Amino acid sequence: MKKLILKGVFLVMAIFVTTNIYAKRHTGVWVSNDAELLLTDKVMMYFEKQSDDCINVMLIVKDVTKESIQFSKDTIIRGDLPKDFNLKFISNKCVKVNGHKLIKAEEIELCEPYDMPTATDKESIGKRLSEWRLGTIIDFDEATKDIYVEVNTPRNMFLYYILKDSNYYYLRAARIENVNEGSLFYQNIRLMQQPEASREFTIYFSPNNKRDVMGELDIKMDAFNPNACYFDPNGGIYWSYTSHSANQIILNGCGGDTYYINRRLKTHNFVKEWIKQADCL
């Protein structure tokens, strides 16, 4: 059993040091009703539902950190990646993690940095909203252990954000759909502790996680309103287009927030991985 466990751990790490050809086959998003896995060349983020009140999250960032979070209604425990963590590819479309069988929901292909296209007119907004967000951002403070890992794909948005001294935690997996009128954002997994301001504490893992991630979001076009944020009864949030320039799109967010989505250039070093859009170079 010990050899089997170690083999699984080594396999996870091998994903991040292998060739681009191998990585193309094994980068993506996998899903089931009680688990979800993200893999890129640099990041592994895994959510596993233990119960409605307890979610485990495992994170590997190449050359940065290997850690885990147990997020429950009673306590939040942050520690090392469990030694018995086990990941095994069954096929190109199926993976087993800690005994959970997950099906591939999205292919992820990486590309070289490039200057993303400008927003030429209102009819280009949907495509630019999708493309300008793509990629991996990693920020880790070794001294404080504060961490920010964001990975956005054409269909999904993942976040692992912790401010240790502030006792702030925001971990999520979300679906995103973009049209010329704005973005529909749906968090199928949301773990939030915000001691200040709203004092929010949320544990949510969609009971229909597989369907939510693999299916299409039902966009209600009349829900977009440049003067208001709309919360759909099904859990979706509508961020509406208000204006744009060649290099920036402005959306009306929620709680009085305004979201500025900026065009990315190949000189932007804060983007640690570039994720390919259908019409990317």
C-alpha atoms as a PDB file:
ATOM      1  CA  MET A   1       0.000   0.000   0.000  1.00  0.00           C
ATOM      2  CA  LYS A   2       2.834   2.377   0.841  1.00  0.00           C
ATOM      3  CA  LYS A   3       4.384   1.836  -2.586  1.00  0.00           C
ATOM      4  CA  LEU A   4       1.036   2.499  -4.242  1.00  0.00           C
ATOM      5  CA  ILE A   5       0.576   5.759  -2.346  1.00  0.00           C
ATOM      6  CA  LEU A   6       4.053   6.969  -3.232  1.00  0.00           C
ATOM      7  CA  LYS A   7       3.519   6.043  -6.860  1.00  0.00           C
ATOM      8  CA  GLY A   8       0.411   8.222  -6.961  1.00  0.00           C
ATOM      9  CA  VAL A   9       2.221  11.188  -5.423  1.00  0.00           C
ATOM     10  CA  PHE A  10       5.138  10.851  -7.854  1.00  0.00           C
ATOM     11  CA  LEU A  11       2.694  10.678 -10.746  1.00  0.00           C
ATOM     12  CA  VAL A  12       1.129  13.980  -9.711  1.00  0.00           C
ATOM     13  CA  MET A  13       4.525  15.650  -9.594  1.00  0.00           C
ATOM     14  CA  ALA A  14       5.561  14.123 -12.911  1.00  0.00           C
ATOM     15  CA  ILE A  15       2.741  15.987 -14.603  1.00  0.00           C
ATOM     16  CA  PHE A  16       4.539  19.283 -13.972  1.00  0.00           C
ATOM     17  CA  VAL A  17       7.980  18.256 -15.277  1.00  0.00           C
ATOM     18  CA  THR A  18       7.008  16.306 -18.358  1.00  0.00           C
ATOM     19  CA  THR A  19       7.138  17.353 -22.001  1.00  0.00           C
ATOM     20  CA  ASN A  20       4.631  19.666 -23.656  1.00  0.00           C
ATOM     21  CA  ILE A  21       3.263  16.763 -25.701  1.00  0.00           C
ATOM     22  CA  TYR A  22       2.413  14.836 -22.546  1.00  0.00           C
ATOM     23  CA  ALA A  23       1.094  17.960 -20.809  1.00  0.00           C
ATOM     24  CA  LYS A  24      -1.308  18.644 -23.669  1.00  0.00           C
ATOM     25  CA  ARG A  25      -2.933  15.249 -23.052  1.00  0.00           C
ATOM     26  CA  HIS A  26      -3.134  15.783 -19.303  1.00  0.00           C
ATOM     27  CA  THR A  27      -4.016  19.422 -18.821  1.00  0.00           C
ATOM     28  CA  GLY A  28      -7.663  20.212 -18.346  1.00  0.00           C
ATOM     29  CA  VAL A  29     -10.640  20.173 -15.996  1.00  0.00           C
ATOM     30  CA  TRP A  30     -12.118  16.905 -14.693  1.00  0.00           C
ATOM     31  CA  VAL A  31     -15.347  16.651 -12.738  1.00  0.00           C
ATOM     32  CA  SER A  32     -17.806  14.472 -10.826  1.00  0.00           C
ATOM     33  CA  ASN A  33     -20.653  15.287  -8.462  1.00  0.00           C
ATOM     34  CA  ASP A  34     -18.328  15.212  -5.451  1.00  0.00           C
ATOM     35  CA  ALA A  35     -14.956  16.280  -6.867  1.00  0.00           C
ATOM     36  CA  GLU A  36     -13.314  18.631  -9.360  1.00  0.00           C
ATOM     37  CA  LEU A  37      -9.734  18.718 -10.630  1.00  0.00           C
ATOM     38  CA  LEU A  38      -7.769  21.406 -12.496  1.00  0.00           C
ATOM     39  CA  LEU A  39      -4.409  20.595 -14.067  1.00  0.00           C
ATOM     40  CA  THR A  40      -2.048  22.910 -15.955  1.00  0.00           C
ATOM     41  CA  ASP A  41       1.723  22.677 -16.368  1.00  0.00           C
ATOM     42  CA  LYS A  42       2.211  24.673 -13.158  1.00  0.00           C
ATOM     43  CA  VAL A  43      -0.941  24.167 -11.069  1.00  0.00           C
ATOM     44  CA  MET A  44      -2.987  21.324  -9.665  1.00  0.00           C
ATOM     45  CA  MET A  45      -6.115  22.381  -7.758  1.00  0.00           C
ATOM     46  CA  TYR A  46      -8.451  19.683  -6.458  1.00  0.00           C
ATOM     47  CA  PHE A  47     -11.783  20.051  -4.623  1.00  0.00           C
ATOM     48  CA  GLU A  48     -13.295  17.051  -2.836  1.00  0.00           C
ATOM     49  CA  LYS A  49     -16.643  17.038  -1.055  1.00  0.00           C
ATOM     50  CA  GLN A  50     -16.676  15.148   2.249  1.00  0.00           C
ATOM     51  CA  SER A  51     -20.154  16.316   3.248  1.00  0.00           C
ATOM     52  CA  ASP A  52     -22.363  19.383   2.834  1.00  0.00           C
ATOM     53  CA  ASP A  53     -20.403  20.938   5.708  1.00  0.00           C
ATOM     54  CA  CYS A  54     -16.858  19.868   4.841  1.00  0.00           C
ATOM     55  CA  ILE A  55     -14.797  20.315   1.662  1.00  0.00           C
ATOM     56  CA  ASN A  56     -11.126  19.389   1.189  1.00  0.00           C
ATOM     57  CA  VAL A  57      -8.960  21.339  -1.254  1.00  0.00           C
ATOM     58  CA  MET A  58      -5.488  20.267  -2.402  1.00  0.00           C
ATOM     59  CA  LEU A  59      -3.071  22.572  -4.191  1.00  0.00           C
ATOM     60  CA  ILE A  60       0.260  22.022  -5.926  1.00  0.00           C
ATOM     61  CA  VAL A  61       2.014  24.983  -7.528  1.00  0.00           C
ATOM     62  CA  LYS A  62       5.228  23.922  -9.225  1.00  0.00           C
ATOM     63  CA  ASP A  63       8.320  25.176  -7.364  1.00  0.00           C
ATOM     64  CA  VAL A  64       6.114  27.192  -4.985  1.00  0.00           C
ATOM     65  CA  THR A  65       3.933  25.133  -2.609  1.00  0.00           C
ATOM     66  CA  LYS A  66       2.150  21.836  -1.937  1.00  0.00           C
ATOM     67  CA  GLU A  67      -0.665  22.264   0.572  1.00  0.00           C
ATOM     68  CA  SER A  68      -4.224  21.480   1.526  1.00  0.00           C
ATOM     69  CA  ILE A  69      -7.236  23.025   3.225  1.00  0.00           C
ATOM     70  CA  GLN A  70     -10.013  21.311   5.153  1.00  0.00           C
ATOM     71  CA  PHE A  71     -12.860  23.805   5.071  1.00  0.00           C
ATOM     72  CA  SER A  72     -15.712  22.957   7.433  1.00  0.00           C
ATOM     73  CA  LYS A  73     -18.393  24.781   9.411  1.00  0.00           C
ATOM     74  CA  ASP A  74     -16.476  24.157  12.632  1.00  0.00           C
ATOM     75  CA  THR A  75     -12.923  24.940  11.584  1.00  0.00           C
ATOM     76  CA  ILE A  76     -10.518  25.665   8.732  1.00  0.00           C
ATOM     77  CA  ILE A  77      -7.324  23.607   8.786  1.00  0.00           C
ATOM     78  CA  ARG A  78      -4.443  24.486   6.454  1.00  0.00           C
ATOM     79  CA  GLY A  79      -1.596  22.024   6.178  1.00  0.00           C
ATOM     80  CA  ASP A  80       0.700  20.054   3.916  1.00  0.00           C
ATOM     81  CA  LEU A  81      -0.495  17.994   0.997  1.00  0.00           C
ATOM     82  CA  PRO A  82      -1.612  14.651   2.494  1.00  0.00           C
ATOM     83  CA  LYS A  83       0.941  11.881   2.014  1.00  0.00           C
ATOM     84  CA  ASP A  84      -1.786   9.514   0.860  1.00  0.00           C
ATOM     85  CA  PHE A  85      -3.014  11.837  -1.909  1.00  0.00           C
ATOM     86  CA  ASN A  86      -3.397   9.655  -4.987  1.00  0.00           C
ATOM     87  CA  LEU A  87      -4.014  10.572  -8.617  1.00  0.00           C
ATOM     88  CA  LYS A  88      -4.134   8.069 -11.472  1.00  0.00           C
ATOM     89  CA  PHE A  89      -5.005   8.580 -15.136  1.00  0.00           C
ATOM     90  CA  ILE A  90      -7.332   5.841 -16.364  1.00  0.00           C
ATOM     91  CA  SER A  91      -7.564   7.270 -19.890  1.00  0.00           C
ATOM     92  CA  ASN A  92      -7.266  10.627 -21.626  1.00  0.00           C
ATOM     93  CA  LYS A  93     -10.870  11.352 -20.604  1.00  0.00           C
ATOM     94  CA  CYS A  94     -10.941   9.799 -17.136  1.00  0.00           C
ATOM     95  CA  VAL A  95      -8.913  10.191 -13.961  1.00  0.00           C
ATOM     96  CA  LYS A  96      -9.220   8.750 -10.466  1.00  0.00           C
ATOM     97  CA  VAL A  97      -8.295  10.941  -7.482  1.00  0.00           C
ATOM     98  CA  ASN A  98      -8.454   9.576  -3.927  1.00  0.00           C
ATOM     99  CA  GLY A  99     -10.819   6.889  -5.220  1.00  0.00           C
ATOM    100  CA  HIS A 100     -13.130   9.374  -6.977  1.00  0.00           C
ATOM    101  CA  LYS A 101     -13.628   8.838 -10.709  1.00  0.00           C
ATOM    102  CA  LEU A 102     -13.738  12.117 -12.672  1.00  0.00           C
ATOM    103  CA  ILE A 103     -14.591  12.735 -16.321  1.00  0.00           C
ATOM    104  CA  LYS A 104     -12.814  15.343 -18.440  1.00  0.00           C
ATOM    105  CA  ALA A 105     -14.998  18.426 -18.841  1.00  0.00           C
ATOM    106  CA  GLU A 106     -12.605  20.814 -20.582  1.00  0.00           C
ATOM    107  CA  GLU A 107      -9.378  20.546 -22.533  1.00  0.00           C
ATOM    108  CA  ILE A 108      -6.719  23.125 -21.681  1.00  0.00           C
ATOM    109  CA  GLU A 109      -4.015  23.967 -24.187  1.00  0.00           C
ATOM    110  CA  LEU A 110      -1.202  26.336 -23.300  1.00  0.00           C
ATOM    111  CA  CYS A 111       0.458  28.742 -25.710  1.00  0.00           C
ATOM    112  CA  GLU A 112       3.305  31.237 -25.850  1.00  0.00           C
ATOM    113  CA  PRO A 113       2.687  34.810 -24.606  1.00  0.00           C
ATOM    114  CA  TYR A 114       1.139  37.056 -27.238  1.00  0.00           C
ATOM    115  CA  ASP A 115      -0.521  40.434 -27.588  1.00  0.00           C
ATOM    116  CA  MET A 116      -4.231  39.749 -27.250  1.00  0.00           C
ATOM    117  CA  PRO A 117      -6.548  41.378 -29.818  1.00  0.00           C
ATOM    118  CA  THR A 118      -8.096  44.749 -29.064  1.00  0.00           C
ATOM    119  CA  ALA A 119     -11.806  45.344 -28.545  1.00  0.00           C
ATOM    120  CA  THR A 120     -12.748  46.808 -31.903  1.00  0.00           C
ATOM    121  CA  ASP A 121     -16.491  47.325 -31.392  1.00  0.00           C
ATOM    122  CA  LYS A 122     -19.454  46.150 -29.279  1.00  0.00           C
ATOM    123  CA  GLU A 123     -19.733  42.980 -31.372  1.00  0.00           C
ATOM    124  CA  SER A 124     -16.269  41.880 -30.219  1.00  0.00           C
ATOM    125  CA  ILE A 125     -16.967  42.219 -26.471  1.00  0.00           C
ATOM    126  CA  GLY A 126     -17.970  38.618 -25.794  1.00  0.00           C
ATOM    127  CA  LYS A 127     -14.809  37.202 -27.387  1.00  0.00           C
ATOM    128  CA  ARG A 128     -12.546  39.727 -25.686  1.00  0.00           C
ATOM    129  CA  LEU A 129     -14.121  39.075 -22.260  1.00  0.00           C
ATOM    130  CA  SER A 130     -13.346  35.384 -22.718  1.00  0.00           C
ATOM    131  CA  GLU A 131      -9.814  35.858 -24.013  1.00  0.00           C
ATOM    132  CA  TRP A 132      -8.501  38.713 -21.870  1.00  0.00           C
ATOM    133  CA  ARG A 133      -9.142  36.779 -18.644  1.00  0.00           C
ATOM    134  CA  LEU A 134      -7.323  33.622 -19.755  1.00  0.00           C
ATOM    135  CA  GLY A 135      -4.210  32.385 -18.003  1.00  0.00           C
ATOM    136  CA  THR A 136      -2.571  31.620 -14.670  1.00  0.00           C
ATOM    137  CA  ILE A 137      -1.582  34.177 -12.039  1.00  0.00           C
ATOM    138  CA  ILE A 138       0.497  33.077  -9.037  1.00  0.00           C
ATOM    139  CA  ASP A 139       1.522  35.209  -6.061  1.00  0.00           C
ATOM    140  CA  PHE A 140       2.976  33.634  -2.908  1.00  0.00           C
ATOM    141  CA  ASP A 141       4.578  35.308   0.104  1.00  0.00           C
ATOM    142  CA  GLU A 142       6.970  32.860   1.748  1.00  0.00           C
ATOM    143  CA  ALA A 143       7.116  34.879   4.966  1.00  0.00           C
ATOM    144  CA  THR A 144       3.402  35.375   5.583  1.00  0.00           C
ATOM    145  CA  LYS A 145       2.154  32.332   3.591  1.00  0.00           C
ATOM    146  CA  ASP A 146      -0.369  34.581   1.861  1.00  0.00           C
ATOM    147  CA  ILE A 147      -1.228  33.062  -1.497  1.00  0.00           C
ATOM    148  CA  TYR A 148      -3.153  33.999  -4.629  1.00  0.00           C
ATOM    149  CA  VAL A 149      -3.565  31.460  -7.424  1.00  0.00           C
ATOM    150  CA  GLU A 150      -5.998  32.250 -10.221  1.00  0.00           C
ATOM    151  CA  VAL A 151      -6.495  30.065 -13.291  1.00  0.00           C
ATOM    152  CA  ASN A 152      -9.013  31.089 -15.927  1.00  0.00           C
ATOM    153  CA  THR A 153      -9.894  28.865 -18.873  1.00  0.00           C
ATOM    154  CA  PRO A 154     -12.393  29.543 -21.664  1.00  0.00           C
ATOM    155  CA  ARG A 155     -15.164  27.871 -19.598  1.00  0.00           C
ATOM    156  CA  ASN A 156     -14.026  27.915 -15.964  1.00  0.00           C
ATOM    157  CA  MET A 157     -12.508  30.223 -13.348  1.00  0.00           C
ATOM    158  CA  PHE A 158     -10.524  28.822 -10.397  1.00  0.00           C
ATOM    159  CA  LEU A 159      -9.254  30.726  -7.368  1.00  0.00           C
ATOM    160  CA  TYR A 160      -7.200  29.832  -4.277  1.00  0.00           C
ATOM    161  CA  TYR A 161      -6.781  33.002  -2.206  1.00  0.00           C
ATOM    162  CA  ILE A 162      -5.669  33.192   1.432  1.00  0.00           C
ATOM    163  CA  LEU A 163      -4.604  36.155   3.560  1.00  0.00           C
ATOM    164  CA  LYS A 164      -3.349  34.380   6.653  1.00  0.00           C
ATOM    165  CA  ASP A 165      -3.143  37.249   9.178  1.00  0.00           C
ATOM    166  CA  SER A 166      -6.562  38.551   8.110  1.00  0.00           C
ATOM    167  CA  ASN A 167      -8.052  35.054   8.401  1.00  0.00           C
ATOM    168  CA  TYR A 168      -9.463  35.544   4.903  1.00  0.00           C
ATOM    169  CA  TYR A 169     -10.154  32.532   2.674  1.00  0.00           C
ATOM    170  CA  TYR A 170     -11.722  32.454  -0.779  1.00  0.00           C
ATOM    171  CA  LEU A 171     -11.488  29.206  -2.722  1.00  0.00           C
ATOM    172  CA  ARG A 172     -13.721  28.511  -5.691  1.00  0.00           C
ATOM    173  CA  ALA A 173     -14.447  26.810  -8.975  1.00  0.00           C
ATOM    174  CA  ALA A 174     -16.844  28.640 -11.258  1.00  0.00           C
ATOM    175  CA  ARG A 175     -18.371  28.477 -14.716  1.00  0.00           C
ATOM    176  CA  ILE A 176     -18.269  31.538 -16.956  1.00  0.00           C
ATOM    177  CA  GLU A 177     -20.070  32.448 -20.161  1.00  0.00           C
ATOM    178  CA  ASN A 178     -19.427  35.690 -22.031  1.00  0.00           C
ATOM    179  CA  VAL A 179     -21.572  37.509 -24.559  1.00  0.00           C
ATOM    180  CA  ASN A 180     -21.475  41.025 -25.972  1.00  0.00           C
ATOM    181  CA  GLU A 181     -23.807  42.172 -23.167  1.00  0.00           C
ATOM    182  CA  GLY A 182     -21.487  40.969 -20.396  1.00  0.00           C
ATOM    183  CA  SER A 183     -20.611  37.879 -18.346  1.00  0.00           C
ATOM    184  CA  LEU A 184     -22.683  35.228 -16.578  1.00  0.00           C
ATOM    185  CA  PHE A 185     -20.707  33.920 -13.598  1.00  0.00           C
ATOM    186  CA  TYR A 186     -21.802  30.812 -11.677  1.00  0.00           C
ATOM    187  CA  GLN A 187     -19.869  29.428  -8.697  1.00  0.00           C
ATOM    188  CA  ASN A 188     -20.414  25.683  -8.550  1.00  0.00           C
ATOM    189  CA  ILE A 189     -17.961  25.512  -5.619  1.00  0.00           C
ATOM    190  CA  ARG A 190     -17.566  28.424  -3.189  1.00  0.00           C
ATOM    191  CA  LEU A 191     -15.642  28.406   0.095  1.00  0.00           C
ATOM    192  CA  MET A 192     -15.467  31.807   1.727  1.00  0.00           C
ATOM    193  CA  GLN A 193     -14.490  33.199   5.099  1.00  0.00           C
ATOM    194  CA  GLN A 194     -14.455  36.974   5.264  1.00  0.00           C
ATOM    195  CA  PRO A 195     -14.178  38.141   8.899  1.00  0.00           C
ATOM    196  CA  GLU A 196     -14.411  41.824   8.048  1.00  0.00           C
ATOM    197  CA  ALA A 197     -17.097  43.766   6.157  1.00  0.00           C
ATOM    198  CA  SER A 198     -19.810  41.246   5.251  1.00  0.00           C
ATOM    199  CA  ARG A 199     -18.532  38.637   7.753  1.00  0.00           C
ATOM    200  CA  GLU A 200     -19.467  35.985   5.213  1.00  0.00           C
ATOM    201  CA  PHE A 201     -18.902  32.297   5.866  1.00  0.00           C
ATOM    202  CA  THR A 202     -19.960  30.027   3.001  1.00  0.00           C
ATOM    203  CA  ILE A 203     -19.509  26.343   2.182  1.00  0.00           C
ATOM    204  CA  TYR A 204     -21.134  25.406  -1.100  1.00  0.00           C
ATOM    205  CA  PHE A 205     -20.553  22.476  -3.443  1.00  0.00           C
ATOM    206  CA  SER A 206     -23.195  22.077  -6.130  1.00  0.00           C
ATOM    207  CA  PRO A 207     -25.144  18.807  -5.767  1.00  0.00           C
ATOM    208  CA  ASN A 208     -25.207  18.735  -9.579  1.00  0.00           C
ATOM    209  CA  ASN A 209     -21.552  19.613 -10.019  1.00  0.00           C
ATOM    210  CA  LYS A 210     -20.918  17.347 -13.001  1.00  0.00           C
ATOM    211  CA  ARG A 211     -23.914  18.699 -14.904  1.00  0.00           C
ATOM    212  CA  ASP A 212     -23.092  22.298 -14.022  1.00  0.00           C
ATOM    213  CA  VAL A 213     -19.500  22.075 -15.242  1.00  0.00           C
ATOM    214  CA  MET A 214     -20.065  19.957 -18.340  1.00  0.00           C
ATOM    215  CA  GLY A 215     -23.277  21.653 -19.473  1.00  0.00           C
ATOM    216  CA  GLU A 216     -24.004  25.095 -20.829  1.00  0.00           C
ATOM    217  CA  LEU A 217     -25.211  27.957 -18.671  1.00  0.00           C
ATOM    218  CA  ASP A 218     -28.708  29.190 -19.405  1.00  0.00           C
ATOM    219  CA  ILE A 219     -28.169  32.851 -20.285  1.00  0.00           C
ATOM    220  CA  LYS A 220     -31.125  35.181 -19.876  1.00  0.00           C
ATOM    221  CA  MET A 221     -30.238  38.087 -22.133  1.00  0.00           C
ATOM    222  CA  ASP A 222     -32.814  40.396 -20.537  1.00  0.00           C
ATOM    223  CA  ALA A 223     -31.049  39.956 -17.178  1.00  0.00           C
ATOM    224  CA  PHE A 224     -28.126  42.093 -18.319  1.00  0.00           C
ATOM    225  CA  ASN A 225     -28.541  45.622 -16.998  1.00  0.00           C
ATOM    226  CA  PRO A 226     -25.719  48.198 -17.149  1.00  0.00           C
ATOM    227  CA  ASN A 227     -27.208  49.939 -14.100  1.00  0.00           C
ATOM    228  CA  ALA A 228     -27.562  46.938 -11.789  1.00  0.00           C
ATOM    229  CA  CYS A 229     -26.076  43.572 -10.845  1.00  0.00           C
ATOM    230  CA  TYR A 230     -28.561  40.737 -11.219  1.00  0.00           C
ATOM    231  CA  PHE A 231     -28.541  37.568  -9.091  1.00  0.00           C
ATOM    232  CA  ASP A 232     -30.315  34.714 -10.825  1.00  0.00           C
ATOM    233  CA  PRO A 233     -32.392  32.460  -8.513  1.00  0.00           C
ATOM    234  CA  ASN A 234     -30.361  29.512  -9.862  1.00  0.00           C
ATOM    235  CA  GLY A 235     -27.141  31.038  -8.533  1.00  0.00           C
ATOM    236  CA  GLY A 236     -25.796  32.865 -11.572  1.00  0.00           C
ATOM    237  CA  ILE A 237     -24.514  36.432 -11.355  1.00  0.00           C
ATOM    238  CA  TYR A 238     -24.855  38.788 -14.301  1.00  0.00           C
ATOM    239  CA  TRP A 239     -22.071  41.331 -14.779  1.00  0.00           C
ATOM    240  CA  SER A 240     -23.265  43.756 -17.425  1.00  0.00           C
ATOM    241  CA  TYR A 241     -21.282  45.649 -20.037  1.00  0.00           C
ATOM    242  CA  THR A 242     -21.176  49.402 -19.507  1.00  0.00           C
ATOM    243  CA  SER A 243     -18.406  50.644 -21.827  1.00  0.00           C
ATOM    244  CA  HIS A 244     -15.118  49.777 -23.466  1.00  0.00           C
ATOM    245  CA  SER A 245     -11.966  51.128 -25.072  1.00  0.00           C
ATOM    246  CA  ALA A 246      -9.525  49.238 -27.282  1.00  0.00           C
ATOM    247  CA  ASN A 247      -7.688  47.845 -24.228  1.00  0.00           C
ATOM    248  CA  GLN A 248     -10.307  47.748 -21.470  1.00  0.00           C
ATOM    249  CA  ILE A 249     -13.869  46.542 -20.905  1.00  0.00           C
ATOM    250  CA  ILE A 250     -15.875  47.864 -17.948  1.00  0.00           C
ATOM    251  CA  LEU A 251     -18.560  45.739 -16.318  1.00  0.00           C
ATOM    252  CA  ASN A 252     -21.088  46.655 -13.651  1.00  0.00           C
ATOM    253  CA  GLY A 253     -20.283  44.328 -10.763  1.00  0.00           C
ATOM    254  CA  CYS A 254     -22.110  43.615  -7.521  1.00  0.00           C
ATOM    255  CA  GLY A 255     -22.168  45.464  -4.228  1.00  0.00           C
ATOM    256  CA  GLY A 256     -21.253  48.703  -5.942  1.00  0.00           C
ATOM    257  CA  ASP A 257     -18.123  47.206  -7.537  1.00  0.00           C
ATOM    258  CA  THR A 258     -16.938  48.012 -11.031  1.00  0.00           C
ATOM    259  CA  TYR A 259     -14.889  45.383 -12.868  1.00  0.00           C
ATOM    260  CA  TYR A 260     -12.155  46.450 -15.260  1.00  0.00           C
ATOM    261  CA  ILE A 261     -11.140  43.697 -17.685  1.00  0.00           C
ATOM    262  CA  ASN A 262      -7.863  44.658 -19.319  1.00  0.00           C
ATOM    263  CA  ARG A 263      -6.230  43.409 -22.504  1.00  0.00           C
ATOM    264  CA  ARG A 264      -3.110  41.330 -21.838  1.00  0.00           C
ATOM    265  CA  LEU A 265       0.181  41.732 -23.677  1.00  0.00           C
ATOM    266  CA  LYS A 266       3.085  39.335 -24.072  1.00  0.00           C
ATOM    267  CA  THR A 267       5.179  41.646 -21.869  1.00  0.00           C
ATOM    268  CA  HIS A 268       2.817  41.089 -18.892  1.00  0.00           C
ATOM    269  CA  ASN A 269       5.027  38.901 -16.701  1.00  0.00           C
ATOM    270  CA  PHE A 270       2.378  38.538 -13.999  1.00  0.00           C
ATOM    271  CA  VAL A 271       0.706  35.969 -16.273  1.00  0.00           C
ATOM    272  CA  LYS A 272       2.617  32.772 -15.466  1.00  0.00           C
ATOM    273  CA  GLU A 273       0.807  30.551 -17.980  1.00  0.00           C
ATOM    274  CA  TRP A 274      -0.939  31.541 -21.191  1.00  0.00           C
ATOM    275  CA  ILE A 275      -4.024  29.484 -21.962  1.00  0.00           C
ATOM    276  CA  LYS A 276      -5.120  29.126 -25.552  1.00  0.00           C
ATOM    277  CA  GLN A 277      -8.376  30.493 -26.863  1.00  0.00           C
ATOM    278  CA  ALA A 278      -9.837  29.007 -30.041  1.00  0.00           C
ATOM    279  CA  ASP A 279      -8.441  31.855 -32.132  1.00  0.00           C
ATOM    280  CA  CYS A 280      -5.213  32.287 -30.132  1.00  0.00           C
ATOM    281  CA  LEU A 281      -1.868  32.164 -31.989  1.00  0.00           C
END
